[in-house]
């Protein structure tokens, strides 16, 4: 079955960095667009970043643009989220998601476009 396993979360001070990884199995990774979403306590899940299946196109939420970078390594079946200059408001559970993509350039920014989800990893940013 399809599995997406996130890692790399933790506790970091404001201004610090973390790199999240999302290891995929049970699917042809190169055929899927990937995304990262986050959910803070008491808030709805929100879109963070997305990347097309060939890695050529990316898109970010305004709140993380210029600080976060999404990437992927199709040879390793892994997607990444590099998070720099972290802020307390970035504190949340971060989940990766995979969505079947017909065309190379497709990226998805809404959760319903993704058919597979990981369990999530906690990121806590202290002030």
N, C-alpha and C. Protein backbone atom coordinates (compact mmCIF):
# COMPACT_ATOMS: atom_id res chain seq x y z
N UNK A 1 0.83 -1.18 0.00
CA UNK A 1 0.00 0.00 0.00
C UNK A 1 0.88 1.25 0.00
N UNK A 2 0.25 2.36 -0.33
CA UNK A 2 0.98 3.63 -0.38
C UNK A 2 1.30 4.09 1.03
N UNK A 3 2.55 4.49 1.21
CA UNK A 3 2.98 5.06 2.50
C UNK A 3 3.78 6.31 2.25
N UNK A 4 3.46 7.34 3.01
CA UNK A 4 4.24 8.57 3.03
C UNK A 4 4.67 8.78 4.48
N UNK A 5 5.98 8.86 4.70
CA UNK A 5 6.50 8.96 6.05
C UNK A 5 7.35 10.22 6.17
N UNK A 6 6.88 11.13 7.01
CA UNK A 6 7.61 12.38 7.24
C UNK A 6 8.62 12.21 8.36
N UNK A 7 9.69 12.99 8.26
CA UNK A 7 10.69 13.03 9.32
C UNK A 7 11.35 14.40 9.29
N UNK A 8 12.11 14.70 10.35
CA UNK A 8 12.86 15.94 10.39
C UNK A 8 12.26 17.03 11.25
N UNK A 9 11.10 16.79 11.80
CA UNK A 9 10.50 17.80 12.66
C UNK A 9 11.23 17.89 13.99
N UNK A 10 10.85 18.89 14.79
CA UNK A 10 11.47 19.03 16.10
C UNK A 10 11.23 20.41 16.66
N UNK A 11 12.02 20.71 17.70
CA UNK A 11 11.94 22.00 18.38
C UNK A 11 13.11 22.86 17.95
N UNK A 12 12.83 24.08 17.56
CA UNK A 12 13.88 24.98 17.09
C UNK A 12 13.55 26.40 17.57
N UNK A 13 14.58 27.19 17.78
CA UNK A 13 14.36 28.58 18.16
C UNK A 13 14.00 29.41 16.94
N UNK A 14 13.32 30.49 17.18
CA UNK A 14 12.98 31.42 16.10
C UNK A 14 14.24 31.83 15.37
N UNK A 15 14.14 31.86 14.06
CA UNK A 15 15.29 32.17 13.22
C UNK A 15 16.07 30.96 12.78
N UNK A 16 15.77 29.82 13.36
CA UNK A 16 16.47 28.59 13.01
C UNK A 16 15.92 27.93 11.77
N UNK A 17 16.48 26.76 11.48
CA UNK A 17 16.11 26.03 10.26
C UNK A 17 15.83 24.56 10.57
N UNK A 18 14.99 23.97 9.76
CA UNK A 18 14.74 22.54 9.77
C UNK A 18 14.53 22.08 8.34
N UNK A 19 14.86 20.82 8.07
CA UNK A 19 14.54 20.23 6.77
C UNK A 19 13.67 19.00 7.01
N UNK A 20 12.48 19.05 6.48
CA UNK A 20 11.57 17.92 6.55
C UNK A 20 11.76 17.02 5.33
N UNK A 21 11.61 15.74 5.56
CA UNK A 21 11.66 14.76 4.47
C UNK A 21 10.36 13.98 4.43
N UNK A 22 10.00 13.55 3.25
CA UNK A 22 8.80 12.74 3.05
C UNK A 22 9.19 11.56 2.16
N UNK A 23 9.34 10.39 2.76
CA UNK A 23 9.73 9.19 2.02
C UNK A 23 8.48 8.45 1.56
N UNK A 24 8.41 8.20 0.26
CA UNK A 24 7.23 7.57 -0.33
C UNK A 24 7.52 6.14 -0.74
N UNK A 25 6.53 5.28 -0.58
CA UNK A 25 6.63 3.90 -1.06
C UNK A 25 5.25 3.42 -1.49
N UNK A 26 5.25 2.40 -2.34
CA UNK A 26 3.98 1.84 -2.78
C UNK A 26 3.33 2.59 -3.93
N UNK A 27 4.05 3.54 -4.50
CA UNK A 27 3.55 4.27 -5.66
C UNK A 27 4.72 4.62 -6.58
N UNK A 28 4.39 4.97 -7.81
CA UNK A 28 5.41 5.43 -8.75
C UNK A 28 5.61 6.91 -8.48
N UNK A 29 6.58 7.21 -7.66
CA UNK A 29 6.75 8.55 -7.10
C UNK A 29 6.82 9.61 -8.19
N UNK A 30 7.49 9.31 -9.28
CA UNK A 30 7.70 10.31 -10.33
C UNK A 30 6.41 10.67 -11.07
N UNK A 31 5.31 9.96 -10.80
CA UNK A 31 4.03 10.24 -11.43
C UNK A 31 3.14 11.12 -10.56
N UNK A 32 3.63 11.54 -9.41
CA UNK A 32 2.83 12.27 -8.44
C UNK A 32 3.39 13.66 -8.16
N UNK A 33 2.48 14.63 -8.18
CA UNK A 33 2.80 15.93 -7.62
C UNK A 33 2.80 15.79 -6.10
N UNK A 34 3.64 16.57 -5.44
CA UNK A 34 3.76 16.49 -3.99
C UNK A 34 3.45 17.83 -3.35
N UNK A 35 2.95 17.77 -2.15
CA UNK A 35 2.64 18.99 -1.43
C UNK A 35 2.93 18.85 0.06
N UNK A 36 3.09 19.99 0.69
CA UNK A 36 3.20 20.04 2.16
C UNK A 36 2.08 20.93 2.69
N UNK A 37 1.47 20.46 3.74
CA UNK A 37 0.42 21.20 4.43
C UNK A 37 0.77 21.23 5.91
N UNK A 38 0.14 22.14 6.64
CA UNK A 38 0.37 22.18 8.09
C UNK A 38 -0.94 22.49 8.80
N UNK A 39 -0.99 22.05 10.04
CA UNK A 39 -2.16 22.33 10.87
C UNK A 39 -1.70 22.66 12.28
N UNK A 40 -2.04 23.86 12.70
CA UNK A 40 -1.73 24.31 14.05
C UNK A 40 -2.91 23.99 14.96
N UNK A 41 -2.69 23.90 16.26
CA UNK A 41 -3.78 23.58 17.19
C UNK A 41 -4.91 24.59 17.06
N UNK A 42 -6.12 24.07 16.92
CA UNK A 42 -7.29 24.92 16.84
C UNK A 42 -7.49 25.60 15.50
N UNK A 43 -6.66 25.27 14.53
CA UNK A 43 -6.78 25.90 13.21
C UNK A 43 -7.00 24.84 12.14
N UNK A 44 -7.49 25.28 11.00
CA UNK A 44 -7.68 24.37 9.88
C UNK A 44 -6.34 24.09 9.20
N UNK A 45 -6.31 22.95 8.52
CA UNK A 45 -5.12 22.62 7.75
C UNK A 45 -4.93 23.65 6.64
N UNK A 46 -3.68 24.04 6.42
CA UNK A 46 -3.41 25.04 5.38
C UNK A 46 -2.29 24.58 4.47
N UNK A 47 -2.38 25.02 3.25
CA UNK A 47 -1.38 24.73 2.23
C UNK A 47 -0.08 25.46 2.56
N UNK A 48 1.04 24.78 2.35
CA UNK A 48 2.35 25.38 2.56
C UNK A 48 3.13 25.50 1.25
N UNK A 49 3.31 24.37 0.55
CA UNK A 49 4.12 24.37 -0.67
C UNK A 49 3.77 23.16 -1.51
N UNK A 50 4.02 23.28 -2.82
CA UNK A 50 3.76 22.18 -3.74
C UNK A 50 4.81 22.15 -4.82
N UNK A 51 5.00 20.95 -5.38
CA UNK A 51 5.97 20.78 -6.45
C UNK A 51 5.40 19.81 -7.47
N UNK A 52 5.67 20.08 -8.75
CA UNK A 52 5.17 19.21 -9.81
C UNK A 52 5.95 17.90 -9.84
N UNK A 53 5.44 16.95 -10.60
CA UNK A 53 6.05 15.62 -10.55
C UNK A 53 7.46 15.59 -11.13
N UNK A 54 7.77 16.52 -12.02
CA UNK A 54 9.13 16.56 -12.55
C UNK A 54 10.01 17.58 -11.84
N UNK A 55 9.44 18.25 -10.84
CA UNK A 55 10.20 19.21 -10.06
C UNK A 55 10.37 20.57 -10.70
N UNK A 56 9.82 20.76 -11.88
CA UNK A 56 10.05 22.01 -12.61
C UNK A 56 9.26 23.18 -12.05
N UNK A 57 8.09 22.88 -11.50
CA UNK A 57 7.21 23.95 -11.00
C UNK A 57 7.02 23.83 -9.50
N UNK A 58 7.03 24.96 -8.83
CA UNK A 58 6.76 25.01 -7.39
C UNK A 58 5.81 26.16 -7.09
N UNK A 59 5.18 26.07 -5.94
CA UNK A 59 4.27 27.14 -5.51
C UNK A 59 4.27 27.18 -3.99
N UNK A 60 4.18 28.38 -3.43
CA UNK A 60 4.25 28.54 -1.99
C UNK A 60 3.11 29.41 -1.46
N UNK A 61 2.74 29.14 -0.23
CA UNK A 61 1.84 30.06 0.46
C UNK A 61 2.59 31.37 0.70
N UNK A 62 1.87 32.47 0.69
CA UNK A 62 2.51 33.78 0.89
C UNK A 62 3.25 33.83 2.23
N UNK A 63 2.73 33.14 3.21
CA UNK A 63 3.30 33.20 4.56
C UNK A 63 4.69 32.57 4.66
N UNK A 64 5.05 31.72 3.70
CA UNK A 64 6.35 31.04 3.76
C UNK A 64 7.24 31.38 2.58
N UNK A 65 6.73 32.14 1.64
CA UNK A 65 7.51 32.46 0.44
C UNK A 65 8.79 33.19 0.82
N UNK A 66 9.89 32.74 0.25
CA UNK A 66 11.18 33.34 0.55
C UNK A 66 11.89 32.71 1.74
N UNK A 67 11.17 31.90 2.52
CA UNK A 67 11.76 31.24 3.68
C UNK A 67 11.80 29.72 3.52
N UNK A 68 10.81 29.16 2.86
CA UNK A 68 10.72 27.70 2.67
C UNK A 68 11.02 27.34 1.22
N UNK A 69 11.63 26.17 1.04
CA UNK A 69 11.90 25.66 -0.29
C UNK A 69 11.49 24.19 -0.38
N UNK A 70 10.64 23.90 -1.35
CA UNK A 70 10.24 22.51 -1.58
C UNK A 70 11.09 21.94 -2.70
N UNK A 71 11.45 20.68 -2.57
CA UNK A 71 12.23 20.00 -3.61
C UNK A 71 11.90 18.51 -3.57
N UNK A 72 12.41 17.80 -4.54
CA UNK A 72 12.17 16.36 -4.58
C UNK A 72 13.33 15.67 -5.26
N UNK A 73 13.51 14.41 -4.92
CA UNK A 73 14.50 13.56 -5.56
C UNK A 73 13.76 12.31 -6.01
N UNK A 74 13.43 12.25 -7.28
CA UNK A 74 12.63 11.12 -7.77
C UNK A 74 13.41 9.80 -7.71
N UNK A 75 14.72 9.87 -7.75
CA UNK A 75 15.52 8.65 -7.65
C UNK A 75 15.45 8.06 -6.23
N UNK A 76 15.18 8.91 -5.26
CA UNK A 76 15.10 8.46 -3.87
C UNK A 76 13.67 8.38 -3.36
N UNK A 77 12.70 8.68 -4.24
CA UNK A 77 11.29 8.66 -3.82
C UNK A 77 11.04 9.53 -2.60
N UNK A 78 11.65 10.69 -2.58
CA UNK A 78 11.58 11.55 -1.40
C UNK A 78 11.35 13.00 -1.79
N UNK A 79 10.48 13.64 -1.03
CA UNK A 79 10.26 15.08 -1.15
C UNK A 79 10.79 15.76 0.11
N UNK A 80 11.16 17.02 -0.05
CA UNK A 80 11.76 17.75 1.06
C UNK A 80 11.09 19.11 1.23
N UNK A 81 11.20 19.63 2.44
CA UNK A 81 10.79 21.00 2.71
C UNK A 81 11.87 21.63 3.58
N UNK A 82 12.66 22.49 2.98
CA UNK A 82 13.68 23.23 3.71
C UNK A 82 13.03 24.48 4.30
N UNK A 83 13.11 24.62 5.61
CA UNK A 83 12.46 25.74 6.29
C UNK A 83 13.52 26.57 6.99
N UNK A 84 13.67 27.81 6.54
CA UNK A 84 14.65 28.73 7.11
C UNK A 84 13.94 29.89 7.79
N UNK A 85 14.67 30.58 8.65
CA UNK A 85 14.13 31.74 9.35
C UNK A 85 12.75 31.43 9.95
N UNK A 86 12.70 30.35 10.69
CA UNK A 86 11.43 29.91 11.25
C UNK A 86 10.90 30.89 12.28
N UNK A 87 9.58 31.00 12.32
CA UNK A 87 8.90 31.90 13.23
C UNK A 87 7.97 31.10 14.14
N UNK A 88 7.64 31.64 15.31
CA UNK A 88 6.71 30.91 16.19
C UNK A 88 5.40 30.54 15.51
N UNK A 89 4.94 31.39 14.60
CA UNK A 89 3.69 31.09 13.91
C UNK A 89 3.80 29.95 12.91
N UNK A 90 5.01 29.43 12.70
CA UNK A 90 5.18 28.25 11.86
C UNK A 90 4.93 26.96 12.63
N UNK A 91 4.75 27.07 13.93
CA UNK A 91 4.51 25.89 14.76
C UNK A 91 3.24 25.17 14.31
N UNK A 92 3.38 23.88 13.99
CA UNK A 92 2.26 23.09 13.48
C UNK A 92 2.71 21.66 13.24
N UNK A 93 1.75 20.81 12.95
CA UNK A 93 2.05 19.48 12.43
C UNK A 93 2.12 19.60 10.91
N UNK A 94 3.24 19.20 10.36
CA UNK A 94 3.45 19.29 8.91
C UNK A 94 3.25 17.91 8.28
N UNK A 95 2.42 17.87 7.24
CA UNK A 95 2.14 16.62 6.53
C UNK A 95 2.45 16.76 5.06
N UNK A 96 2.98 15.69 4.50
CA UNK A 96 3.18 15.67 3.06
C UNK A 96 2.03 14.91 2.40
N UNK A 97 1.83 15.19 1.13
CA UNK A 97 0.73 14.58 0.39
C UNK A 97 1.15 14.34 -1.04
N UNK A 98 0.58 13.31 -1.65
CA UNK A 98 0.87 12.96 -3.03
C UNK A 98 -0.41 12.96 -3.84
N UNK A 99 -0.36 13.59 -5.02
CA UNK A 99 -1.52 13.64 -5.90
C UNK A 99 -1.14 13.20 -7.30
N UNK A 100 -1.90 12.27 -7.85
CA UNK A 100 -1.61 11.77 -9.20
C UNK A 100 -1.71 12.91 -10.20
N UNK A 101 -0.69 13.07 -11.02
CA UNK A 101 -0.62 14.20 -11.95
C UNK A 101 -0.52 13.69 -13.39
N UNK A 102 -1.38 14.20 -14.24
CA UNK A 102 -1.38 13.79 -15.64
C UNK A 102 -0.21 14.45 -16.38
N UNK A 103 -0.04 15.72 -16.16
CA UNK A 103 0.98 16.46 -16.89
C UNK A 103 2.15 16.81 -15.99
N UNK A 104 3.30 17.00 -16.61
CA UNK A 104 4.52 17.25 -15.85
C UNK A 104 4.43 18.49 -14.97
N UNK A 105 3.77 19.52 -15.47
CA UNK A 105 3.81 20.80 -14.79
C UNK A 105 2.75 21.03 -13.75
N UNK A 106 1.86 20.08 -13.54
CA UNK A 106 0.75 20.27 -12.62
C UNK A 106 1.25 20.40 -11.18
N UNK A 107 0.68 21.38 -10.46
CA UNK A 107 0.87 21.46 -9.03
C UNK A 107 -0.49 21.67 -8.40
N UNK A 108 -0.65 21.21 -7.19
CA UNK A 108 -1.94 21.27 -6.52
C UNK A 108 -1.81 22.05 -5.21
N UNK A 109 -2.77 22.91 -4.95
CA UNK A 109 -2.68 23.73 -3.74
C UNK A 109 -3.82 23.50 -2.77
N UNK A 110 -4.75 22.62 -3.12
CA UNK A 110 -5.85 22.32 -2.21
C UNK A 110 -5.80 20.86 -1.78
N UNK A 111 -6.22 20.59 -0.57
CA UNK A 111 -6.03 19.27 0.01
C UNK A 111 -6.82 18.20 -0.73
N UNK A 112 -7.96 18.57 -1.31
CA UNK A 112 -8.79 17.54 -1.94
C UNK A 112 -8.16 16.99 -3.22
N UNK A 113 -7.13 17.68 -3.73
CA UNK A 113 -6.44 17.23 -4.94
C UNK A 113 -5.41 16.15 -4.64
N UNK A 114 -5.19 15.88 -3.38
CA UNK A 114 -4.20 14.89 -2.98
C UNK A 114 -4.89 13.63 -2.47
N UNK A 115 -4.47 12.48 -3.00
CA UNK A 115 -5.11 11.23 -2.61
C UNK A 115 -4.41 10.47 -1.50
N UNK A 116 -3.17 10.84 -1.23
CA UNK A 116 -2.39 10.10 -0.22
C UNK A 116 -1.72 11.08 0.73
N UNK A 117 -1.74 10.73 2.01
CA UNK A 117 -1.23 11.61 3.05
C UNK A 117 -0.34 10.85 4.03
N UNK A 118 0.66 11.57 4.55
CA UNK A 118 1.45 11.03 5.63
C UNK A 118 0.81 11.35 6.97
N UNK A 119 1.41 10.83 8.03
CA UNK A 119 0.89 11.02 9.38
C UNK A 119 1.25 12.38 9.96
N UNK A 120 2.31 12.97 9.46
CA UNK A 120 2.70 14.29 9.93
C UNK A 120 3.87 14.25 10.90
N UNK A 121 4.55 15.38 10.99
CA UNK A 121 5.66 15.55 11.92
C UNK A 121 5.52 16.91 12.60
N UNK A 122 5.78 16.95 13.89
CA UNK A 122 5.58 18.17 14.66
C UNK A 122 6.77 19.11 14.49
N UNK A 123 6.46 20.36 14.21
CA UNK A 123 7.47 21.42 14.19
C UNK A 123 7.05 22.45 15.23
N UNK A 124 7.94 22.72 16.16
CA UNK A 124 7.68 23.70 17.20
C UNK A 124 8.78 24.75 17.18
N UNK A 125 8.38 26.00 17.06
CA UNK A 125 9.33 27.11 17.01
C UNK A 125 9.13 27.96 18.25
N UNK A 126 10.18 28.06 19.05
CA UNK A 126 10.09 28.85 20.28
C UNK A 126 10.58 30.27 20.02
N UNK A 127 10.01 31.18 20.77
CA UNK A 127 10.38 32.60 20.59
C UNK A 127 11.54 32.99 21.49
